[in-house]
Protein backbone atom coordinates (compact mmCIF):
# COMPACT_ATOMS: atom_id res chain seq x y z
CA MET A 1 44.03 33.78 118.03
CA ALA A 2 40.08 33.94 117.86
CA HIS A 3 40.53 37.13 115.60
CA LEU A 4 42.25 34.62 113.03
CA THR A 5 39.33 32.28 112.58
CA THR A 6 36.25 33.81 114.14
CA PRO A 7 34.22 36.03 111.55
CA PRO A 8 33.28 39.44 112.56
CA PRO A 9 29.90 40.20 113.53
CA ARG A 10 27.39 41.68 111.00
CA PRO A 11 27.74 45.72 111.09
CA SER A 12 23.91 45.61 111.09
CA SER A 13 24.08 43.70 114.52
CA LEU A 14 26.12 46.39 116.01
CA ARG A 15 24.48 49.46 114.32
CA GLU A 16 20.95 49.41 113.36
CA GLY A 17 20.15 50.76 110.13
CA THR A 18 23.64 49.78 108.44
CA HIS A 19 22.67 49.62 104.56
CA GLY A 20 22.95 46.20 103.11
CA ASN A 21 25.48 47.12 100.46
CA LEU A 22 27.64 48.88 103.05
CA GLU A 23 27.37 46.08 105.25
CA GLU A 24 28.35 43.73 102.46
CA LEU A 25 31.57 46.06 101.73
CA ILE A 26 32.38 46.23 105.18
CA LEU A 27 32.40 42.63 105.59
CA ARG A 28 34.63 41.97 102.14
CA LEU A 29 37.26 44.49 103.77
CA LEU A 30 37.38 42.42 106.78
CA GLU A 31 37.67 39.06 105.11
CA LYS A 32 40.35 36.87 106.53
CA GLU A 33 41.48 35.43 103.36
CA PRO A 34 43.16 38.39 101.59
CA ALA A 35 42.14 37.27 98.02
CA ARG A 36 38.58 38.06 98.98
CA ARG A 37 39.10 41.56 99.93
CA PRO A 38 39.19 44.34 97.45
CA ALA A 39 42.55 44.71 95.79
CA SER A 40 42.50 48.48 95.59
CA ALA A 41 41.38 51.74 97.27
CA GLU A 42 39.69 52.42 93.68
CA LEU A 43 37.56 49.31 94.02
CA VAL A 44 36.45 50.34 97.54
CA MET A 45 35.62 53.95 96.16
CA ALA A 46 33.68 52.15 93.14
CA ALA A 47 31.68 49.98 95.66
CA LEU A 48 30.84 53.19 97.71
CA ARG A 49 29.28 54.95 94.72
């Protein structure tokens, strides 16, 4: 049940050199609360540009 409450590790702690913007997007995609995640694939694609 820890996956429901424990925040994921920062991607940069797992892979050195992860760009800050990409890291923030990954963490938003992994949010526990659905309302805090991007609402669509289009929003994810826009964030990647």
